[in-house]
Amino acid sequence: MIFLYGGIAGTVGTLGEAATRMRVVNIDDGSVPGFLTGGLRAVGWFLFVLFTVMLSDTGAADTRFVAVRRNTGVFQGQEPVPAAKP
């Protein structure tokens, strides 16, 4: 669905482009992006926004999960080292 929207926007333009009387064009030759490029751009921007929201932190620190190396320590069954008390 997003790819289809981007493809149509890349070929015909968007409402925002019509409202501002502007158009996205190639800087070298003035051609419009086209269906494939417009679709890929739309998917790329969607994924960028999705990952940015997913990876954003709310400011709370969750210390229950940490990264561990697979070849040492806890991953191989040893007892965890307690965290330092402040």
N, C-alpha and C. Protein backbone atom coordinates (compact mmCIF):
# COMPACT_ATOMS: atom_id res chain seq x y z
N MET A 1 0.82 -1.18 0.00
CA MET A 1 0.00 0.00 0.00
C MET A 1 0.87 1.25 0.00
N ILE A 2 1.91 1.24 0.85
CA ILE A 2 2.80 2.39 0.93
C ILE A 2 3.57 2.54 -0.38
N PHE A 3 4.01 1.41 -0.93
CA PHE A 3 4.74 1.45 -2.20
C PHE A 3 3.86 2.01 -3.31
N LEU A 4 2.60 1.61 -3.33
CA LEU A 4 1.66 2.10 -4.34
C LEU A 4 1.46 3.61 -4.20
N TYR A 5 1.29 4.08 -2.98
CA TYR A 5 1.15 5.52 -2.75
C TYR A 5 2.39 6.26 -3.26
N GLY A 6 3.57 5.76 -2.89
CA GLY A 6 4.81 6.40 -3.33
C GLY A 6 4.97 6.37 -4.83
N GLY A 7 4.55 5.27 -5.46
CA GLY A 7 4.63 5.18 -6.91
C GLY A 7 3.75 6.20 -7.59
N ILE A 8 2.54 6.35 -7.08
CA ILE A 8 1.63 7.35 -7.65
C ILE A 8 2.15 8.75 -7.38
N ALA A 9 2.65 8.98 -6.17
CA ALA A 9 3.20 10.30 -5.83
C ALA A 9 4.42 10.62 -6.69
N GLY A 10 5.23 9.62 -6.97
CA GLY A 10 6.41 9.84 -7.80
C GLY A 10 6.08 10.09 -9.26
N THR A 11 4.94 9.59 -9.70
CA THR A 11 4.55 9.76 -11.10
C THR A 11 3.71 11.00 -11.31
N VAL A 12 2.64 11.16 -10.54
CA VAL A 12 1.70 12.26 -10.75
C VAL A 12 1.93 13.43 -9.80
N GLY A 13 2.42 13.15 -8.60
CA GLY A 13 2.62 14.19 -7.60
C GLY A 13 1.67 14.00 -6.44
N THR A 14 1.87 14.79 -5.39
CA THR A 14 1.04 14.68 -4.20
C THR A 14 0.18 15.92 -4.05
N LEU A 15 -0.75 15.87 -3.11
CA LEU A 15 -1.58 17.04 -2.84
C LEU A 15 -0.75 18.19 -2.29
N GLY A 16 0.27 17.85 -1.49
CA GLY A 16 1.16 18.88 -0.97
C GLY A 16 1.91 19.60 -2.07
N GLU A 17 2.33 18.84 -3.07
CA GLU A 17 3.02 19.46 -4.21
C GLU A 17 2.06 20.35 -5.00
N ALA A 18 0.83 19.90 -5.13
CA ALA A 18 -0.15 20.70 -5.85
C ALA A 18 -0.50 21.97 -5.08
N ALA A 19 -0.61 21.87 -3.76
CA ALA A 19 -0.97 23.02 -2.94
C ALA A 19 0.13 24.08 -2.94
N THR A 20 1.38 23.63 -2.96
CA THR A 20 2.50 24.58 -2.94
C THR A 20 2.98 24.94 -4.35
N ARG A 21 2.36 24.32 -5.34
CA ARG A 21 2.75 24.52 -6.75
C ARG A 21 4.23 24.23 -6.97
N MET A 22 4.69 23.13 -6.34
CA MET A 22 6.08 22.70 -6.50
C MET A 22 6.08 21.24 -6.93
N ARG A 23 7.25 20.74 -7.33
CA ARG A 23 7.36 19.35 -7.78
C ARG A 23 8.74 18.82 -7.45
N VAL A 24 8.83 17.56 -7.02
CA VAL A 24 10.11 16.90 -6.79
C VAL A 24 10.65 16.48 -8.16
N VAL A 25 11.87 16.94 -8.48
CA VAL A 25 12.48 16.60 -9.77
C VAL A 25 13.94 16.23 -9.57
N ASN A 26 14.50 15.55 -10.55
CA ASN A 26 15.92 15.21 -10.56
C ASN A 26 16.71 16.48 -10.82
N ILE A 27 17.72 16.74 -10.02
CA ILE A 27 18.48 17.98 -10.15
C ILE A 27 19.31 18.02 -11.44
N ASP A 28 19.64 16.86 -11.99
CA ASP A 28 20.47 16.82 -13.20
C ASP A 28 19.68 17.13 -14.46
N ASP A 29 18.52 16.48 -14.62
CA ASP A 29 17.80 16.64 -15.89
C ASP A 29 16.36 17.12 -15.74
N GLY A 30 15.87 17.32 -14.53
CA GLY A 30 14.52 17.84 -14.33
C GLY A 30 13.42 16.81 -14.47
N SER A 31 13.77 15.52 -14.56
CA SER A 31 12.74 14.48 -14.69
C SER A 31 12.12 14.17 -13.33
N VAL A 32 10.88 13.67 -13.35
CA VAL A 32 10.20 13.28 -12.11
C VAL A 32 10.72 11.92 -11.67
N PRO A 33 10.58 11.57 -10.39
CA PRO A 33 11.15 10.31 -9.89
C PRO A 33 10.62 9.06 -10.57
N GLY A 34 9.35 9.00 -10.88
CA GLY A 34 8.78 7.80 -11.49
C GLY A 34 8.20 6.85 -10.46
N PHE A 35 7.54 5.81 -10.94
CA PHE A 35 6.81 4.90 -10.07
C PHE A 35 7.73 4.12 -9.13
N LEU A 36 8.77 3.51 -9.67
CA LEU A 36 9.66 2.67 -8.86
C LEU A 36 10.41 3.50 -7.82
N THR A 37 11.02 4.58 -8.24
CA THR A 37 11.78 5.42 -7.30
C THR A 37 10.86 6.03 -6.25
N GLY A 38 9.69 6.51 -6.66
CA GLY A 38 8.74 7.08 -5.70
C GLY A 38 8.27 6.06 -4.69
N GLY A 39 8.01 4.84 -5.15
CA GLY A 39 7.59 3.77 -4.24
C GLY A 39 8.67 3.40 -3.25
N LEU A 40 9.90 3.28 -3.73
CA LEU A 40 11.00 2.94 -2.84
C LEU A 40 11.27 4.05 -1.84
N ARG A 41 11.15 5.29 -2.26
CA ARG A 41 11.33 6.42 -1.33
C ARG A 41 10.26 6.40 -0.24
N ALA A 42 9.01 6.11 -0.61
CA ALA A 42 7.93 6.06 0.38
C ALA A 42 8.17 4.95 1.39
N VAL A 43 8.58 3.78 0.92
CA VAL A 43 8.87 2.66 1.82
C VAL A 43 10.04 3.01 2.73
N GLY A 44 11.07 3.62 2.18
CA GLY A 44 12.23 4.02 2.97
C GLY A 44 11.88 5.00 4.06
N TRP A 45 11.09 6.03 3.72
CA TRP A 45 10.70 7.01 4.74
C TRP A 45 9.80 6.37 5.80
N PHE A 46 8.93 5.46 5.39
CA PHE A 46 8.08 4.76 6.36
C PHE A 46 8.92 3.96 7.34
N LEU A 47 9.90 3.21 6.81
CA LEU A 47 10.75 2.41 7.69
C LEU A 47 11.60 3.29 8.60
N PHE A 48 12.07 4.42 8.09
CA PHE A 48 12.84 5.34 8.91
C PHE A 48 12.02 5.83 10.09
N VAL A 49 10.80 6.26 9.83
CA VAL A 49 9.93 6.73 10.91
C VAL A 49 9.60 5.60 11.87
N LEU A 50 9.27 4.43 11.35
CA LEU A 50 8.94 3.29 12.19
C LEU A 50 10.09 2.92 13.12
N PHE A 51 11.30 2.80 12.57
CA PHE A 51 12.44 2.43 13.40
C PHE A 51 12.81 3.53 14.38
N THR A 52 12.66 4.78 13.98
CA THR A 52 12.94 5.88 14.90
C THR A 52 12.01 5.84 16.10
N VAL A 53 10.74 5.59 15.86
CA VAL A 53 9.78 5.50 16.96
C VAL A 53 10.05 4.26 17.81
N MET A 54 10.35 3.15 17.16
CA MET A 54 10.59 1.92 17.91
C MET A 54 11.85 1.99 18.77
N LEU A 55 12.87 2.66 18.27
CA LEU A 55 14.14 2.69 18.98
C LEU A 55 14.29 3.89 19.90
N SER A 56 13.31 4.77 19.90
CA SER A 56 13.41 5.93 20.78
C SER A 56 13.23 5.50 22.22
N ASP A 57 13.94 6.15 23.10
CA ASP A 57 13.89 5.81 24.52
C ASP A 57 13.01 6.81 25.23
N THR A 58 12.29 6.35 26.22
CA THR A 58 11.41 7.25 26.97
C THR A 58 12.15 7.95 28.10
N GLY A 59 13.41 7.65 28.29
CA GLY A 59 14.17 8.26 29.37
C GLY A 59 14.32 7.36 30.57
N ALA A 60 13.51 6.32 30.67
CA ALA A 60 13.60 5.40 31.80
C ALA A 60 14.69 4.36 31.51
N ALA A 61 15.50 4.09 32.49
CA ALA A 61 16.56 3.11 32.33
C ALA A 61 16.08 1.76 32.85
N ASP A 62 16.09 0.76 32.00
CA ASP A 62 15.71 -0.58 32.41
C ASP A 62 16.98 -1.39 32.55
N THR A 63 17.38 -1.67 33.78
CA THR A 63 18.65 -2.35 34.02
C THR A 63 18.49 -3.86 34.16
N ARG A 64 17.32 -4.38 33.86
CA ARG A 64 17.12 -5.83 33.97
C ARG A 64 17.74 -6.57 32.81
N PHE A 65 17.96 -5.91 31.68
CA PHE A 65 18.50 -6.57 30.51
C PHE A 65 19.81 -5.91 30.10
N VAL A 66 20.82 -6.74 29.89
CA VAL A 66 22.12 -6.24 29.46
C VAL A 66 22.65 -7.15 28.36
N ALA A 67 23.62 -6.67 27.63
CA ALA A 67 24.27 -7.49 26.60
C ALA A 67 25.30 -8.40 27.26
N VAL A 68 25.35 -9.66 26.84
CA VAL A 68 26.35 -10.59 27.36
C VAL A 68 27.07 -11.26 26.20
N ARG A 69 28.34 -11.53 26.41
CA ARG A 69 29.10 -12.24 25.39
C ARG A 69 28.74 -13.72 25.46
N ARG A 70 28.59 -14.33 24.32
CA ARG A 70 28.17 -15.73 24.29
C ARG A 70 29.25 -16.70 24.73
N ASN A 71 30.51 -16.32 24.59
CA ASN A 71 31.58 -17.28 24.87
C ASN A 71 32.10 -17.20 26.30
N THR A 72 31.50 -16.41 27.18
CA THR A 72 31.97 -16.31 28.56
C THR A 72 30.81 -16.16 29.53
N GLY A 73 31.10 -16.32 30.78
CA GLY A 73 30.24 -15.95 31.89
C GLY A 73 28.86 -16.55 31.94
N VAL A 74 27.86 -15.70 32.12
CA VAL A 74 26.49 -16.09 32.39
C VAL A 74 25.92 -16.96 31.26
N PHE A 75 26.29 -16.68 30.05
CA PHE A 75 25.76 -17.45 28.93
C PHE A 75 26.15 -18.92 29.02
N GLN A 76 27.29 -19.21 29.65
CA GLN A 76 27.74 -20.59 29.78
C GLN A 76 27.35 -21.21 31.12
N GLY A 77 26.51 -20.52 31.88
CA GLY A 77 25.99 -21.10 33.11
C GLY A 77 26.63 -20.64 34.39
N GLN A 78 27.60 -19.71 34.33
CA GLN A 78 28.22 -19.21 35.55
C GLN A 78 27.27 -18.26 36.27
N GLU A 79 27.52 -18.06 37.56
CA GLU A 79 26.70 -17.14 38.34
C GLU A 79 26.93 -15.70 37.91
N PRO A 80 25.89 -14.89 37.85
CA PRO A 80 26.09 -13.49 37.49
C PRO A 80 26.77 -12.71 38.60
N VAL A 81 27.50 -11.69 38.21
CA VAL A 81 28.16 -10.80 39.17
C VAL A 81 27.14 -9.74 39.56
N PRO A 82 26.90 -9.54 40.88
CA PRO A 82 25.90 -8.54 41.29
C PRO A 82 26.32 -7.13 40.88
N ALA A 83 25.33 -6.31 40.56
CA ALA A 83 25.59 -4.93 40.18
C ALA A 83 26.06 -4.13 41.38
N ALA A 84 26.88 -3.13 41.11
CA ALA A 84 27.40 -2.29 42.18
C ALA A 84 26.28 -1.43 42.76
N LYS A 85 26.26 -1.30 44.09
CA LYS A 85 25.24 -0.48 44.74
C LYS A 85 25.72 0.97 44.78
N PRO A 86 24.87 1.92 44.46
CA PRO A 86 25.30 3.33 44.48
C PRO A 86 25.46 3.88 45.88
